Amino acid sequence: MKLVQLSLFLENRPGQLKTPCQVLGRAGIDILSMSLADTQQFGILRLIVEDWQKAKKVLEEAGCVVNVTEVLAVEVPDRPGGLGGVLDAFDQAGLSIEYVYALAAGHRAETAVLIFRVEDPDKAARLLEQKGVRLLEREAVLARVS
């Protein structure tokens, strides 16, 4: 139900995104999804990868500072209004969303998958499932992107 996300702090200057991507590539670790948010001084790179433990190890060995957080992979109907229905379930459950980004998909499907970061992923997962929102396990996420 929950996925592990790696977050890296990057200086906001040219070439900083290249290093972690190349490190993961050399280690044979596939990036399933990523998000990059920046400020004037730094950026936060958020990654969902196939093998987060190996990724964390190789990134830290390369000098990266890596933070591990849990996120939810939420299946969203891929049609107009689909996201609104899912967000309604968040509101009804009293859940605040810290951030959201899309999971890369390997094929066109009837549903999209969005990655949500919330304060209490366990509580959120229980409440969302009670509202009929489908959360994906790690294996289902891997199957979607391959």
C-alpha atoms as a PDB file:
ATOM      1  CA  MET A   1       0.000   0.000   0.000  1.00  0.00           C
ATOM      2  CA  LYS A   2       2.798   2.409   0.844  1.00  0.00           C
ATOM      3  CA  LEU A   3       5.819   3.054  -1.318  1.00  0.00           C
ATOM      4  CA  VAL A   4       9.231   4.259  -0.260  1.00  0.00           C
ATOM      5  CA  GLN A   5      10.336   7.540  -1.782  1.00  0.00           C
ATOM      6  CA  LEU A   6      13.872   8.858  -1.783  1.00  0.00           C
ATOM      7  CA  SER A   7      14.381  12.616  -1.518  1.00  0.00           C
ATOM      8  CA  LEU A   8      17.668  14.305  -2.369  1.00  0.00           C
ATOM      9  CA  PHE A   9      18.659  17.908  -1.809  1.00  0.00           C
ATOM     10  CA  LEU A  10      20.426  19.360  -4.828  1.00  0.00           C
ATOM     11  CA  GLU A  11      22.110  22.701  -5.254  1.00  0.00           C
ATOM     12  CA  ASN A  12      20.250  24.845  -7.745  1.00  0.00           C
ATOM     13  CA  ARG A  13      22.968  25.005 -10.404  1.00  0.00           C
ATOM     14  CA  PRO A  14      23.523  23.322 -13.771  1.00  0.00           C
ATOM     15  CA  GLY A  15      24.408  19.624 -13.799  1.00  0.00           C
ATOM     16  CA  GLN A  16      23.099  18.694 -10.350  1.00  0.00           C
ATOM     17  CA  LEU A  17      20.291  16.453 -11.605  1.00  0.00           C
ATOM     18  CA  LYS A  18      22.687  14.494 -13.812  1.00  0.00           C
ATOM     19  CA  THR A  19      24.756  13.006 -10.980  1.00  0.00           C
ATOM     20  CA  PRO A  20      22.060  11.039  -9.117  1.00  0.00           C
ATOM     21  CA  CYS A  21      20.528   9.870 -12.385  1.00  0.00           C
ATOM     22  CA  GLN A  22      23.879   8.609 -13.659  1.00  0.00           C
ATOM     23  CA  VAL A  23      24.716   6.959 -10.323  1.00  0.00           C
ATOM     24  CA  LEU A  24      21.434   5.055 -10.393  1.00  0.00           C
ATOM     25  CA  GLY A  25      21.909   4.135 -14.050  1.00  0.00           C
ATOM     26  CA  ARG A  26      25.389   2.724 -13.455  1.00  0.00           C
ATOM     27  CA  ALA A  27      23.965   0.659 -10.572  1.00  0.00           C
ATOM     28  CA  GLY A  28      21.239  -0.724 -12.852  1.00  0.00           C
ATOM     29  CA  ILE A  29      18.437   0.896 -10.824  1.00  0.00           C
ATOM     30  CA  ASP A  30      15.408   1.987 -12.796  1.00  0.00           C
ATOM     31  CA  ILE A  31      13.715   5.275 -11.878  1.00  0.00           C
ATOM     32  CA  LEU A  32       9.962   4.656 -11.905  1.00  0.00           C
ATOM     33  CA  SER A  33       8.955   8.241 -11.210  1.00  0.00           C
ATOM     34  CA  MET A  34      10.540  11.517 -10.235  1.00  0.00           C
ATOM     35  CA  SER A  35       9.654  15.017  -9.242  1.00  0.00           C
ATOM     36  CA  LEU A  36      11.922  18.036  -8.950  1.00  0.00           C
ATOM     37  CA  ALA A  37      10.890  21.156  -7.051  1.00  0.00           C
ATOM     38  CA  ASP A  38      13.244  24.071  -6.695  1.00  0.00           C
ATOM     39  CA  THR A  39      13.857  27.306  -4.893  1.00  0.00           C
ATOM     40  CA  GLN A  40      16.505  29.877  -5.694  1.00  0.00           C
ATOM     41  CA  GLN A  41      19.206  28.034  -3.692  1.00  0.00           C
ATOM     42  CA  PHE A  42      18.310  24.332  -3.842  1.00  0.00           C
ATOM     43  CA  GLY A  43      16.035  21.698  -5.289  1.00  0.00           C
ATOM     44  CA  ILE A  44      14.391  18.594  -3.884  1.00  0.00           C
ATOM     45  CA  LEU A  45      14.521  15.564  -6.141  1.00  0.00           C
ATOM     46  CA  ARG A  46      11.937  12.946  -5.218  1.00  0.00           C
ATOM     47  CA  LEU A  47      12.321   9.454  -6.646  1.00  0.00           C
ATOM     48  CA  ILE A  48      10.415   6.201  -6.722  1.00  0.00           C
ATOM     49  CA  VAL A  49      12.842   3.458  -7.780  1.00  0.00           C
ATOM     50  CA  GLU A  50      12.765  -0.316  -8.177  1.00  0.00           C
ATOM     51  CA  ASP A  51      15.175  -1.076  -5.325  1.00  0.00           C
ATOM     52  CA  TRP A  52      15.138   1.814  -2.858  1.00  0.00           C
ATOM     53  CA  GLN A  53      17.617   0.264  -0.405  1.00  0.00           C
ATOM     54  CA  LYS A  54      20.257  -0.287  -3.077  1.00  0.00           C
ATOM     55  CA  ALA A  55      19.523   3.167  -4.521  1.00  0.00           C
ATOM     56  CA  LYS A  56      19.945   4.828  -1.139  1.00  0.00           C
ATOM     57  CA  LYS A  57      23.254   3.037  -0.615  1.00  0.00           C
ATOM     58  CA  VAL A  58      24.777   3.953  -3.994  1.00  0.00           C
ATOM     59  CA  LEU A  59      23.537   7.538  -3.822  1.00  0.00           C
ATOM     60  CA  GLU A  60      25.015   8.033  -0.352  1.00  0.00           C
ATOM     61  CA  GLU A  61      28.285   6.452  -1.491  1.00  0.00           C
ATOM     62  CA  ALA A  62      28.304   9.069  -4.274  1.00  0.00           C
ATOM     63  CA  GLY A  63      28.002  11.842  -1.677  1.00  0.00           C
ATOM     64  CA  CYS A  64      24.268  12.509  -1.914  1.00  0.00           C
ATOM     65  CA  VAL A  65      22.178  13.252   1.158  1.00  0.00           C
ATOM     66  CA  VAL A  66      19.159  10.937   0.942  1.00  0.00           C
ATOM     67  CA  ASN A  67      15.961  11.129   2.983  1.00  0.00           C
ATOM     68  CA  VAL A  68      13.519   8.191   3.054  1.00  0.00           C
ATOM     69  CA  THR A  69       9.765   8.818   3.306  1.00  0.00           C
ATOM     70  CA  GLU A  70       6.625   6.791   2.762  1.00  0.00           C
ATOM     71  CA  VAL A  71       4.112   7.813   0.112  1.00  0.00           C
ATOM     72  CA  LEU A  72       0.880   6.387  -1.257  1.00  0.00           C
ATOM     73  CA  ALA A  73       0.345   5.244  -4.835  1.00  0.00           C
ATOM     74  CA  VAL A  74      -3.273   6.106  -5.587  1.00  0.00           C
ATOM     75  CA  GLU A  75      -5.122   4.851  -8.637  1.00  0.00           C
ATOM     76  CA  VAL A  76      -7.115   7.643 -10.267  1.00  0.00           C
ATOM     77  CA  PRO A  77      -9.682   7.183 -13.053  1.00  0.00           C
ATOM     78  CA  ASP A  78      -8.095   8.606 -16.217  1.00  0.00           C
ATOM     79  CA  ARG A  79     -11.050  10.681 -17.333  1.00  0.00           C
ATOM     80  CA  PRO A  80     -12.307  14.217 -16.781  1.00  0.00           C
ATOM     81  CA  GLY A  81     -13.260  14.571 -13.111  1.00  0.00           C
ATOM     82  CA  GLY A  82     -11.425  11.424 -12.020  1.00  0.00           C
ATOM     83  CA  LEU A  83      -8.945  13.268  -9.832  1.00  0.00           C
ATOM     84  CA  GLY A  84     -11.714  15.399  -8.335  1.00  0.00           C
ATOM     85  CA  GLY A  85     -13.449  12.275  -7.036  1.00  0.00           C
ATOM     86  CA  VAL A  86     -10.266  11.031  -5.393  1.00  0.00           C
ATOM     87  CA  LEU A  87      -9.592  14.448  -3.869  1.00  0.00           C
ATOM     88  CA  ASP A  88     -13.142  14.442  -2.514  1.00  0.00           C
ATOM     89  CA  ALA A  89     -12.276  11.213  -0.648  1.00  0.00           C
ATOM     90  CA  PHE A  90      -9.203  12.950   0.820  1.00  0.00           C
ATOM     91  CA  ASP A  91     -11.392  15.861   1.974  1.00  0.00           C
ATOM     92  CA  GLN A  92     -14.074  13.582   3.451  1.00  0.00           C
ATOM     93  CA  ALA A  93     -11.346  11.725   5.375  1.00  0.00           C
ATOM     94  CA  GLY A  94      -9.902  15.018   6.654  1.00  0.00           C
ATOM     95  CA  LEU A  95      -6.522  14.396   5.019  1.00  0.00           C
ATOM     96  CA  SER A  96      -4.122  17.136   4.020  1.00  0.00           C
ATOM     97  CA  ILE A  97      -1.897  16.576   0.993  1.00  0.00           C
ATOM     98  CA  GLU A  98       1.697  17.772   1.275  1.00  0.00           C
ATOM     99  CA  TYR A  99       2.448  17.206  -2.415  1.00  0.00           C
ATOM    100  CA  VAL A 100       1.501  15.007  -5.355  1.00  0.00           C
ATOM    101  CA  TYR A 101       3.123  13.941  -8.609  1.00  0.00           C
ATOM    102  CA  ALA A 102       2.380  11.426 -11.346  1.00  0.00           C
ATOM    103  CA  LEU A 103       3.873   7.976 -11.709  1.00  0.00           C
ATOM    104  CA  ALA A 104       5.351   7.354 -15.139  1.00  0.00           C
ATOM    105  CA  ALA A 105       3.350   4.721 -16.985  1.00  0.00           C
ATOM    106  CA  GLY A 106       4.632   2.205 -19.495  1.00  0.00           C
ATOM    107  CA  HIS A 107       1.315   1.858 -21.274  1.00  0.00           C
ATOM    108  CA  ARG A 108      -2.023   3.622 -21.682  1.00  0.00           C
ATOM    109  CA  ALA A 109      -4.559   2.478 -19.127  1.00  0.00           C
ATOM    110  CA  GLU A 110      -8.014   3.371 -17.897  1.00  0.00           C
ATOM    111  CA  THR A 111      -6.459   4.732 -14.724  1.00  0.00           C
ATOM    112  CA  ALA A 112      -3.515   6.922 -13.833  1.00  0.00           C
ATOM    113  CA  VAL A 113      -1.381   6.567 -10.713  1.00  0.00           C
ATOM    114  CA  LEU A 114      -0.493   9.566  -8.593  1.00  0.00           C
ATOM    115  CA  ILE A 115       1.990   9.606  -5.739  1.00  0.00           C
ATOM    116  CA  PHE A 116       0.661  11.403  -2.650  1.00  0.00           C
ATOM    117  CA  ARG A 117       2.656  12.485   0.378  1.00  0.00           C
ATOM    118  CA  VAL A 118       0.516  12.904   3.485  1.00  0.00           C
ATOM    119  CA  GLU A 119       1.352  13.374   7.154  1.00  0.00           C
ATOM    120  CA  ASP A 120       0.300   9.886   8.336  1.00  0.00           C
ATOM    121  CA  PRO A 121       0.412   7.368   5.457  1.00  0.00           C
ATOM    122  CA  ASP A 122      -0.992   4.466   7.521  1.00  0.00           C
ATOM    123  CA  LYS A 123      -4.016   6.448   8.677  1.00  0.00           C
ATOM    124  CA  ALA A 124      -4.504   7.905   5.206  1.00  0.00           C
ATOM    125  CA  ALA A 125      -4.394   4.462   3.611  1.00  0.00           C
ATOM    126  CA  ARG A 126      -7.078   3.140   5.987  1.00  0.00           C
ATOM    127  CA  LEU A 127      -9.345   6.145   5.512  1.00  0.00           C
ATOM    128  CA  LEU A 128      -8.966   6.248   1.740  1.00  0.00           C
ATOM    129  CA  GLU A 129      -9.685   2.543   1.375  1.00  0.00           C
ATOM    130  CA  GLN A 130     -12.845   3.037   3.452  1.00  0.00           C
ATOM    131  CA  LYS A 131     -13.851   5.681   0.888  1.00  0.00           C
ATOM    132  CA  GLY A 132     -13.303   3.219  -1.972  1.00  0.00           C
ATOM    133  CA  VAL A 133     -10.014   4.701  -3.215  1.00  0.00           C
ATOM    134  CA  ARG A 134      -7.715   2.053  -4.666  1.00  0.00           C
ATOM    135  CA  LEU A 135      -4.137   2.136  -3.389  1.00  0.00           C
ATOM    136  CA  LEU A 136      -1.474   0.160  -5.214  1.00  0.00           C
ATOM    137  CA  GLU A 137       1.089  -2.140  -3.659  1.00  0.00           C
ATOM    138  CA  ARG A 138       4.708  -1.985  -4.803  1.00  0.00           C
ATOM    139  CA  GLU A 139       4.267  -4.980  -7.143  1.00  0.00           C
ATOM    140  CA  ALA A 140       1.279  -3.380  -8.882  1.00  0.00           C
ATOM    141  CA  VAL A 141       3.264  -0.182  -9.370  1.00  0.00           C
ATOM    142  CA  LEU A 142       6.161  -2.132 -10.886  1.00  0.00           C
ATOM    143  CA  ALA A 143       3.756  -3.917 -13.236  1.00  0.00           C
ATOM    144  CA  ARG A 144       2.306  -0.579 -14.395  1.00  0.00           C
ATOM    145  CA  VAL A 145       5.612   0.885 -15.485  1.00  0.00           C
ATOM    146  CA  SER A 146       7.103  -2.154 -17.166  1.00  0.00           C
END
